[in-house]
PDB file of N, CA and C in Angstrom:
ATOM      1  N   MET A   1       0.681  -1.136   0.036  1.00  0.00           N
ATOM      2  CA  MET A   1       0.061  -0.023   0.050  1.00  0.00           C
ATOM      3  C   MET A   1       1.187   1.207   0.005  1.00  0.00           C
ATOM      4  N   ARG A   2       1.948   1.249   0.735  1.00  0.00           N
ATOM      5  CA  ARG A   2       2.968   2.398   0.831  1.00  0.00           C
ATOM      6  C   ARG A   2       3.346   2.828  -0.527  1.00  0.00           C
ATOM      7  N   THR A   3       3.727   1.833  -1.391  1.00  0.00           N
ATOM      8  CA  THR A   3       4.151   2.349  -2.789  1.00  0.00           C
ATOM      9  C   THR A   3       3.363   2.513  -3.614  1.00  0.00           C
ATOM     10  N   SER A   4       1.964   2.574  -3.597  1.00  0.00           N
ATOM     11  CA  SER A   4       0.943   3.068  -4.453  1.00  0.00           C
ATOM     12  C   SER A   4       0.230   4.262  -4.028  1.00  0.00           C
ATOM     13  N   MET A   5       0.414   4.680  -2.827  1.00  0.00           N
ATOM     14  CA  MET A   5      -0.255   5.855  -2.284  1.00  0.00           C
ATOM     15  C   MET A   5       0.797   6.868  -1.862  1.00  0.00           C
ATOM     16  N   ARG A   6       0.546   8.030  -2.316  1.00  0.00           N
ATOM     17  CA  ARG A   6       1.540   9.158  -1.860  1.00  0.00           C
ATOM     18  C   ARG A   6       1.379   9.614  -0.533  1.00  0.00           C
ATOM     19  N   ARG A   7       0.517   9.424   0.078  1.00  0.00           N
ATOM     20  CA  ARG A   7       0.076   9.633   1.474  1.00  0.00           C
ATOM     21  C   ARG A   7       1.016   8.909   2.539  1.00  0.00           C
ATOM     22  N   TYR A   8       1.557   7.883   2.000  1.00  0.00           N
ATOM     23  CA  TYR A   8       2.438   7.102   3.081  1.00  0.00           C
ATOM     24  C   TYR A   8       3.918   7.187   2.766  1.00  0.00           C
ATOM     25  N   THR A   9       4.335   8.204   1.589  1.00  0.00           N
ATOM     26  CA  THR A   9       5.693   8.189   1.464  1.00  0.00           C
ATOM     27  C   THR A   9       6.328   9.348   2.194  1.00  0.00           C
ATOM     28  N   ARG A  10       7.465   9.395   2.449  1.00  0.00           N
ATOM     29  CA  ARG A  10       7.949  10.546   3.221  1.00  0.00           C
ATOM     30  C   ARG A  10       8.256  11.637   2.496  1.00  0.00           C
ATOM     31  N   LEU A  11       8.434  12.855   3.106  1.00  0.00           N
ATOM     32  CA  LEU A  11       8.704  14.057   2.370  1.00  0.00           C
ATOM     33  C   LEU A  11       7.875  14.566   1.278  1.00  0.00           C
ATOM     34  N   THR A  12       6.419  14.521   1.519  1.00  0.00           N
ATOM     35  CA  THR A  12       5.531  14.849   0.453  1.00  0.00           C
ATOM     36  C   THR A  12       4.427  15.745   0.956  1.00  0.00           C
ATOM     37  N   ASN A  13       3.933  16.422   0.110  1.00  0.00           N
ATOM     38  CA  ASN A  13       2.694  17.296   0.546  1.00  0.00           C
ATOM     39  C   ASN A  13       1.375  16.797   0.569  1.00  0.00           C
ATOM     40  N   ALA A  14       1.429  15.436   0.226  1.00  0.00           N
ATOM     41  CA  ALA A  14       0.032  14.715   0.060  1.00  0.00           C
ATOM     42  C   ALA A  14      -0.430  14.055   1.396  1.00  0.00           C
ATOM     43  N   PHE A  15       0.217  14.461   2.373  1.00  0.00           N
ATOM     44  CA  PHE A  15      -0.223  13.656   3.702  1.00  0.00           C
ATOM     45  C   PHE A  15      -1.443  14.509   4.185  1.00  0.00           C
ATOM     46  N   SER A  16      -2.260  13.590   4.931  1.00  0.00           N
ATOM     47  CA  SER A  16      -3.681  14.019   5.455  1.00  0.00           C
ATOM     48  C   SER A  16      -3.529  14.821   6.759  1.00  0.00           C
ATOM     49  N   LYS A  17      -3.935  15.903   6.693  1.00  0.00           N
ATOM     50  CA  LYS A  17      -3.907  16.906   7.984  1.00  0.00           C
ATOM     51  C   LYS A  17      -4.955  16.494   9.041  1.00  0.00           C
ATOM     52  N   LYS A  18      -6.224  15.926   8.428  1.00  0.00           N
ATOM     53  CA  LYS A  18      -7.154  15.389   9.311  1.00  0.00           C
ATOM     54  C   LYS A  18      -7.343  14.120   9.180  1.00  0.00           C
ATOM     55  N   VAL A  19      -7.787  13.415  10.341  1.00  0.00           N
ATOM     56  CA  VAL A  19      -7.900  12.161  10.541  1.00  0.00           C
ATOM     57  C   VAL A  19      -9.187  11.624   9.596  1.00  0.00           C
ATOM     58  N   ASP A  20     -10.241  12.329   9.570  1.00  0.00           N
ATOM     59  CA  ASP A  20     -11.500  12.073   8.448  1.00  0.00           C
ATOM     60  C   ASP A  20     -10.861  11.937   7.154  1.00  0.00           C
ATOM     61  N   ASN A  21     -10.075  12.815   6.690  1.00  0.00           N
ATOM     62  CA  ASN A  21      -9.498  12.821   5.316  1.00  0.00           C
ATOM     63  C   ASN A  21      -8.765  11.704   5.074  1.00  0.00           C
ATOM     64  N   HIS A  22      -7.896  11.222   5.973  1.00  0.00           N
ATOM     65  CA  HIS A  22      -7.075  10.074   5.864  1.00  0.00           C
ATOM     66  C   HIS A  22      -7.934   8.996   5.854  1.00  0.00           C
ATOM     67  N   CYS A  23      -9.182   8.837   6.434  1.00  0.00           N
ATOM     68  CA  CYS A  23     -10.142   7.613   6.385  1.00  0.00           C
ATOM     69  C   CYS A  23     -10.817   7.452   5.036  1.00  0.00           C
ATOM     70  N   HIS A  24     -11.126   8.613   4.567  1.00  0.00           N
ATOM     71  CA  HIS A  24     -11.723   8.634   3.388  1.00  0.00           C
ATOM     72  C   HIS A  24     -10.849   8.343   2.215  1.00  0.00           C
ATOM     73  N   ALA A  25      -9.437   8.845   2.178  1.00  0.00           N
ATOM     74  CA  ALA A  25      -8.627   8.306   1.340  1.00  0.00           C
ATOM     75  C   ALA A  25      -8.390   6.754   1.343  1.00  0.00           C
ATOM     76  N   LEU A  26      -8.282   6.382   2.435  1.00  0.00           N
ATOM     77  CA  LEU A  26      -7.907   4.939   2.580  1.00  0.00           C
ATOM     78  C   LEU A  26      -9.129   4.149   2.021  1.00  0.00           C
ATOM     79  N   ALA A  27     -10.377   4.520   2.221  1.00  0.00           N
ATOM     80  CA  ALA A  27     -11.522   3.896   1.792  1.00  0.00           C
ATOM     81  C   ALA A  27     -11.648   3.897   0.411  1.00  0.00           C
ATOM     82  N   LEU A  28     -11.107   5.290  -0.438  1.00  0.00           N
ATOM     83  CA  LEU A  28     -11.191   5.138  -1.757  1.00  0.00           C
ATOM     84  C   LEU A  28     -10.131   4.157  -2.257  1.00  0.00           C
ATOM     85  N   TYR A  29      -9.142   4.063  -1.605  1.00  0.00           N
ATOM     86  CA  TYR A  29      -8.083   3.108  -2.174  1.00  0.00           C
ATOM     87  C   TYR A  29      -8.578   1.841  -2.049  1.00  0.00           C
ATOM     88  N   PHE A  30      -9.041   1.427  -1.035  1.00  0.00           N
ATOM     89  CA  PHE A  30      -9.493  -0.111  -0.822  1.00  0.00           C
ATOM     90  C   PHE A  30     -10.488  -0.460  -1.825  1.00  0.00           C
ATOM     91  N   VAL A  31     -11.543   0.457  -2.162  1.00  0.00           N
ATOM     92  CA  VAL A  31     -12.478   0.320  -3.278  1.00  0.00           C
ATOM     93  C   VAL A  31     -11.889  -0.053  -4.386  1.00  0.00           C
ATOM     94  N   PHE A  32     -10.776   1.063  -4.799  1.00  0.00           N
ATOM     95  CA  PHE A  32     -10.163   0.768  -6.167  1.00  0.00           C
ATOM     96  C   PHE A  32      -9.486  -0.593  -6.201  1.00  0.00           C
ATOM     97  N   TYR A  33      -8.790  -0.873  -5.068  1.00  0.00           N
ATOM     98  CA  TYR A  33      -7.686  -1.860  -5.108  1.00  0.00           C
ATOM     99  C   TYR A  33      -8.556  -3.209  -5.393  1.00  0.00           C
ATOM    100  N   ASN A  34      -9.859  -3.335  -4.808  1.00  0.00           N
ATOM    101  CA  ASN A  34     -10.564  -4.451  -4.716  1.00  0.00           C
ATOM    102  C   ASN A  34     -11.702  -4.748  -5.956  1.00  0.00           C
ATOM    103  N   PHE A  35     -12.108  -3.533  -6.406  1.00  0.00           N
ATOM    104  CA  PHE A  35     -13.140  -3.533  -7.323  1.00  0.00           C
ATOM    105  C   PHE A  35     -12.637  -3.137  -8.585  1.00  0.00           C
ATOM    106  N   VAL A  36     -11.723  -2.029  -8.852  1.00  0.00           N
ATOM    107  CA  VAL A  36     -11.361  -1.422 -10.242  1.00  0.00           C
ATOM    108  C   VAL A  36      -9.947  -2.222 -10.866  1.00  0.00           C
ATOM    109  N   ARG A  37      -8.992  -2.407  -9.953  1.00  0.00           N
ATOM    110  CA  ARG A  37      -7.609  -2.928 -10.312  1.00  0.00           C
ATOM    111  C   ARG A  37      -7.697  -4.362 -10.765  1.00  0.00           C
ATOM    112  N   GLN A  38      -7.148  -4.706 -11.846  1.00  0.00           N
ATOM    113  CA  GLN A  38      -7.025  -6.017 -12.350  1.00  0.00           C
ATOM    114  C   GLN A  38      -5.669  -6.561 -11.849  1.00  0.00           C
ATOM    115  N   HIS A  39      -5.707  -7.534 -10.922  1.00  0.00           N
ATOM    116  CA  HIS A  39      -4.459  -7.971 -10.371  1.00  0.00           C
ATOM    117  C   HIS A  39      -3.857  -9.061 -11.256  1.00  0.00           C
ATOM    118  N   GLN A  40      -2.411  -8.933 -11.255  1.00  0.00           N
ATOM    119  CA  GLN A  40      -1.712  -9.690 -12.311  1.00  0.00           C
ATOM    120  C   GLN A  40      -1.799 -11.266 -11.931  1.00  0.00           C
ATOM    121  N   SER A  41      -1.765 -11.663 -10.717  1.00  0.00           N
ATOM    122  CA  SER A  41      -1.683 -12.984 -10.256  1.00  0.00           C
ATOM    123  C   SER A  41      -3.174 -13.480 -10.349  1.00  0.00           C
ATOM    124  N   LEU A  42      -4.180 -12.880 -10.010  1.00  0.00           N
ATOM    125  CA  LEU A  42      -5.361 -13.346 -10.097  1.00  0.00           C
ATOM    126  C   LEU A  42      -5.943 -13.398 -11.729  1.00  0.00           C
ATOM    127  N   ARG A  43      -5.598 -12.173 -12.392  1.00  0.00           N
ATOM    128  CA  ARG A  43      -6.214 -11.980 -13.604  1.00  0.00           C
ATOM    129  C   ARG A  43      -7.583 -11.372 -13.590  1.00  0.00           C
ATOM    130  N   ILE A  44      -8.107 -11.177 -12.536  1.00  0.00           N
ATOM    131  CA  ILE A  44      -9.236 -10.736 -12.262  1.00  0.00           C
ATOM    132  C   ILE A  44      -9.203  -9.798 -11.005  1.00  0.00           C
ATOM    133  N   SER A  45     -10.215  -8.950 -10.605  1.00  0.00           N
ATOM    134  CA  SER A  45     -10.289  -8.126  -9.357  1.00  0.00           C
ATOM    135  C   SER A  45     -10.454  -9.292  -7.923  1.00  0.00           C
ATOM    136  N   PRO A  46      -9.883  -8.910  -6.937  1.00  0.00           N
ATOM    137  CA  PRO A  46     -10.209  -9.518  -5.759  1.00  0.00           C
ATOM    138  C   PRO A  46     -11.762  -9.701  -5.447  1.00  0.00           C
ATOM    139  N   ALA A  47     -12.592  -8.775  -5.934  1.00  0.00           N
ATOM    140  CA  ALA A  47     -14.126  -8.863  -5.691  1.00  0.00           C
ATOM    141  C   ALA A  47     -14.694  -9.791  -6.525  1.00  0.00           C
ATOM    142  N   MET A  48     -14.115  -9.980  -7.902  1.00  0.00           N
ATOM    143  CA  MET A  48     -14.500 -11.015  -8.788  1.00  0.00           C
ATOM    144  C   MET A  48     -14.323 -12.221  -8.323  1.00  0.00           C
ATOM    145  N   ALA A  49     -13.030 -12.465  -7.739  1.00  0.00           N
ATOM    146  CA  ALA A  49     -12.496 -13.835  -7.203  1.00  0.00           C
ATOM    147  C   ALA A  49     -13.360 -14.260  -6.149  1.00  0.00           C
ATOM    148  N   ALA A  50     -13.909 -13.280  -5.339  1.00  0.00           N
ATOM    149  CA  ALA A  50     -14.607 -13.578  -4.081  1.00  0.00           C
ATOM    150  C   ALA A  50     -16.175 -13.950  -4.354  1.00  0.00           C
ATOM    151  N   GLY A  51     -16.326 -13.623  -5.806  1.00  0.00           N
ATOM    152  CA  GLY A  51     -17.938 -13.709  -6.243  1.00  0.00           C
ATOM    153  C   GLY A  51     -18.724 -12.517  -5.824  1.00  0.00           C
ATOM    154  N   ILE A  52     -18.215 -11.416  -5.202  1.00  0.00           N
ATOM    155  CA  ILE A  52     -18.981 -10.308  -4.886  1.00  0.00           C
ATOM    156  C   ILE A  52     -19.475  -9.460  -6.090  1.00  0.00           C
ATOM    157  N   SER A  53     -18.555  -9.361  -7.367  1.00  0.00           N
ATOM    158  CA  SER A  53     -18.706  -8.810  -8.431  1.00  0.00           C
ATOM    159  C   SER A  53     -18.596  -9.610  -9.546  1.00  0.00           C
ATOM    160  N   ASP A  54     -19.386  -9.523 -10.574  1.00  0.00           N
ATOM    161  CA  ASP A  54     -19.160 -10.292 -11.929  1.00  0.00           C
ATOM    162  C   ASP A  54     -18.438  -9.273 -13.162  1.00  0.00           C
ATOM    163  N   ARG A  55     -18.017  -8.335 -12.773  1.00  0.00           N
ATOM    164  CA  ARG A  55     -17.274  -7.392 -13.795  1.00  0.00           C
ATOM    165  C   ARG A  55     -16.282  -6.385 -13.056  1.00  0.00           C
ATOM    166  N   LEU A  56     -15.164  -5.933 -13.774  1.00  0.00           N
ATOM    167  CA  LEU A  56     -14.349  -4.875 -13.322  1.00  0.00           C
ATOM    168  C   LEU A  56     -15.179  -3.683 -13.437  1.00  0.00           C
ATOM    169  N   TRP A  57     -15.119  -3.184 -12.043  1.00  0.00           N
ATOM    170  CA  TRP A  57     -15.627  -1.706 -12.243  1.00  0.00           C
ATOM    171  C   TRP A  57     -14.823  -0.568 -12.683  1.00  0.00           C
ATOM    172  N   SER A  58     -15.366   0.509 -12.928  1.00  0.00           N
ATOM    173  CA  SER A  58     -14.694   1.692 -13.465  1.00  0.00           C
ATOM    174  C   SER A  58     -14.615   2.809 -12.483  1.00  0.00           C
ATOM    175  N   MET A  59     -13.982   3.815 -12.619  1.00  0.00           N
ATOM    176  CA  MET A  59     -14.137   4.912 -11.577  1.00  0.00           C
ATOM    177  C   MET A  59     -15.448   5.585 -11.909  1.00  0.00           C
ATOM    178  N   ASN A  60     -16.093   5.584 -12.746  1.00  0.00           N
ATOM    179  CA  ASN A  60     -17.369   6.134 -13.079  1.00  0.00           C
ATOM    180  C   ASN A  60     -18.219   5.501 -12.018  1.00  0.00           C
ATOM    181  N   ASP A  61     -18.165   4.080 -11.831  1.00  0.00           N
ATOM    182  CA  ASP A  61     -19.136   3.468 -10.845  1.00  0.00           C
ATOM    183  C   ASP A  61     -18.811   3.956  -9.347  1.00  0.00           C
ATOM    184  N   ILE A  62     -17.595   4.113  -8.970  1.00  0.00           N
ATOM    185  CA  ILE A  62     -17.336   4.527  -7.563  1.00  0.00           C
ATOM    186  C   ILE A  62     -17.905   5.998  -7.383  1.00  0.00           C
ATOM    187  N   VAL A  63     -17.700   6.929  -8.412  1.00  0.00           N
ATOM    188  CA  VAL A  63     -18.291   8.162  -8.268  1.00  0.00           C
ATOM    189  C   VAL A  63     -19.760   8.221  -8.283  1.00  0.00           C
ATOM    190  N   ALA A  64     -20.328   7.254  -8.922  1.00  0.00           N
ATOM    191  CA  ALA A  64     -21.808   6.943  -8.761  1.00  0.00           C
ATOM    192  C   ALA A  64     -22.132   6.446  -7.444  1.00  0.00           C
ATOM    193  N   LEU A  65     -21.524   5.610  -6.741  1.00  0.00           N
ATOM    194  CA  LEU A  65     -21.513   5.244  -5.455  1.00  0.00           C
ATOM    195  C   LEU A  65     -21.750   6.385  -4.513  1.00  0.00           C
ATOM    196  N   ILE A  66     -20.538   7.183  -4.511  1.00  0.00           N
ATOM    197  CA  ILE A  66     -20.360   8.496  -3.707  1.00  0.00           C
ATOM    198  C   ILE A  66     -21.651   9.304  -3.833  1.00  0.00           C
ATOM    199  N   ASP A  67     -21.857   9.744  -5.170  1.00  0.00           N
ATOM    200  CA  ASP A  67     -23.158  10.499  -5.350  1.00  0.00           C
ATOM    201  C   ASP A  67     -24.502  10.014  -4.762  1.00  0.00           C
ATOM    202  N   ALA A  68     -24.772   8.672  -4.851  1.00  0.00           N
ATOM    203  CA  ALA A  68     -25.727   8.078  -4.298  1.00  0.00           C
ATOM    204  C   ALA A  68     -25.651   8.168  -2.829  1.00  0.00           C
ATOM    205  N   ALA A  69     -24.707   8.056  -2.146  1.00  0.00           N
ATOM    206  CA  ALA A  69     -24.450   8.309  -0.544  1.00  0.00           C
ATOM    207  C   ALA A  69     -24.618   9.601   0.138  1.00  0.00           C
ATOM    208  N   GLU A  70     -24.505  10.618  -1.046  1.00  0.00           N
ATOM    209  CA  GLU A  70     -24.517  12.013  -0.623  1.00  0.00           C
ATOM    210  C   GLU A  70     -25.949  12.408  -0.439  1.00  0.00           C
ATOM    211  N   PRO A  71     -26.226  12.934   0.708  1.00  0.00           N
ATOM    212  CA  PRO A  71     -27.644  13.570   0.860  1.00  0.00           C
ATOM    213  C   PRO A  71     -27.954  14.638  -0.088  1.00  0.00           C
ATOM    214  N   GLU A  72     -29.217  14.965  -0.504  1.00  0.00           N
ATOM    215  CA  GLU A  72     -29.523  15.932  -1.410  1.00  0.00           C
ATOM    216  C   GLU A  72     -29.210  17.251  -0.707  1.00  0.00           C
ATOM    217  N   PRO A  73     -28.996  18.130  -1.633  1.00  0.00           N
ATOM    218  CA  PRO A  73     -28.644  19.580  -0.986  1.00  0.00           C
ATOM    219  C   PRO A  73     -29.942  20.185  -0.461  1.00  0.00           C
ATOM    220  N   LYS A  74     -29.943  20.933   0.585  1.00  0.00           N
ATOM    221  CA  LYS A  74     -31.027  21.505   0.961  1.00  0.00           C
ATOM    222  C   LYS A  74     -31.289  22.966   0.232  1.00  0.00           C
ATOM    223  N   LYS A  75     -32.485  23.528   0.482  1.00  0.00           N
ATOM    224  CA  LYS A  75     -32.537  24.760  -0.244  1.00  0.00           C
ATOM    225  C   LYS A  75     -32.322  25.856   0.865  1.00  0.00           C
ATOM    226  N   ARG A  76     -31.618  26.811   0.283  1.00  0.00           N
ATOM    227  CA  ARG A  76     -31.015  27.925   1.071  1.00  0.00           C
ATOM    228  C   ARG A  76     -32.100  28.803   1.404  1.00  0.00           C
ATOM    229  N   GLY A  77     -31.934  29.480   2.685  1.00  0.00           N
ATOM    230  CA  GLY A  77     -32.930  30.116   3.118  1.00  0.00           C
ATOM    231  C   GLY A  77     -32.743  31.635   2.530  1.00  0.00           C
ATOM    232  N   PRO A  78     -33.802  32.481   2.782  1.00  0.00           N
ATOM    233  CA  PRO A  78     -33.707  33.835   2.418  1.00  0.00           C
ATOM    234  C   PRO A  78     -32.574  34.703   2.797  1.00  0.00           C
ATOM    235  N   TYR A  79     -32.146  35.526   1.889  1.00  0.00           N
ATOM    236  CA  TYR A  79     -31.093  36.289   2.115  1.00  0.00           C
ATOM    237  C   TYR A  79     -31.340  37.342   3.143  1.00  0.00           C
ATOM    238  N   LYS A  80     -30.496  37.446   4.148  1.00  0.00           N
ATOM    239  CA  LYS A  80     -30.683  38.527   5.043  1.00  0.00           C
ATOM    240  C   LYS A  80     -29.441  39.318   5.168  1.00  0.00           C
ATOM    241  N   PRO A  81     -29.676  40.753   4.766  1.00  0.00           N
ATOM    242  CA  PRO A  81     -28.690  41.665   4.840  1.00  0.00           C
ATOM    243  C   PRO A  81     -28.152  41.929   6.017  1.00  0.00           C
ATOM    244  N   ARG A  82     -26.868  42.088   6.097  1.00  0.00           N
ATOM    245  CA  ARG A  82     -26.079  42.305   7.449  1.00  0.00           C
ATOM    246  C   ARG A  82     -26.461  43.555   7.903  1.00  0.00           C
ATOM    247  N   GLN A  83     -26.508  43.646   9.213  1.00  0.00           N
ATOM    248  CA  GLN A  83     -26.781  44.965  10.032  1.00  0.00           C
ATOM    249  C   GLN A  83     -25.655  45.711  10.028  1.00  0.00           C
ATOM    250  N   VAL A  84     -25.486  46.965   9.519  1.00  0.00           N
ATOM    251  CA  VAL A  84     -24.261  47.677   9.617  1.00  0.00           C
ATOM    252  C   VAL A  84     -24.400  48.682  10.734  1.00  0.00           C
ATOM    253  N   ALA A  85     -23.427  48.425  11.643  1.00  0.00           N
ATOM    254  CA  ALA A  85     -23.603  49.618  12.765  1.00  0.00           C
ATOM    255  C   ALA A  85     -23.268  50.899  12.388  1.00  0.00           C
ATOM    256  N   GLN A  86     -24.033  51.841  12.820  1.00  0.00           N
ATOM    257  CA  GLN A  86     -23.774  53.249  12.450  1.00  0.00           C
ATOM    258  C   GLN A  86     -22.812  53.991  13.438  1.00  0.00           C
ATOM    259  N   ILE A  87     -22.185  54.712  13.049  1.00  0.00           N
ATOM    260  CA  ILE A  87     -21.019  55.352  13.764  1.00  0.00           C
ATOM    261  C   ILE A  87     -21.686  56.793  14.174  1.00  0.00           C
ATOM    262  N   SER A  88     -21.720  56.939  15.550  1.00  0.00           N
ATOM    263  CA  SER A  88     -22.422  58.304  15.885  1.00  0.00           C
ATOM    264  C   SER A  88     -21.138  59.141  16.202  1.00  0.00           C
ATOM    265  N   LYS A  89     -21.573  60.497  15.810  1.00  0.00           N
ATOM    266  CA  LYS A  89     -20.518  61.416  15.867  1.00  0.00           C
ATOM    267  C   LYS A  89     -20.722  62.514  17.212  1.00  0.00           C
TER     268      LYS A  89
END
């Protein structure tokens, strides 16, 4: 994993500053590794070898999963102008 992710190599700017971002990056990597990447020794993906999937996924499939899990955006409320304090002389 260290050789394929820049987050684990030394002296790089790609490290995660927040634990949540690090967890999300790992989750994306594991989905890619198990569903998208065709392994040389298996000649199929590990998900296909385990019988979870019947085809190699594409990155578009992963993006569709992320979009489906994201909640619908809420309607924004009315615009409220900021109250400017008046300076008294």
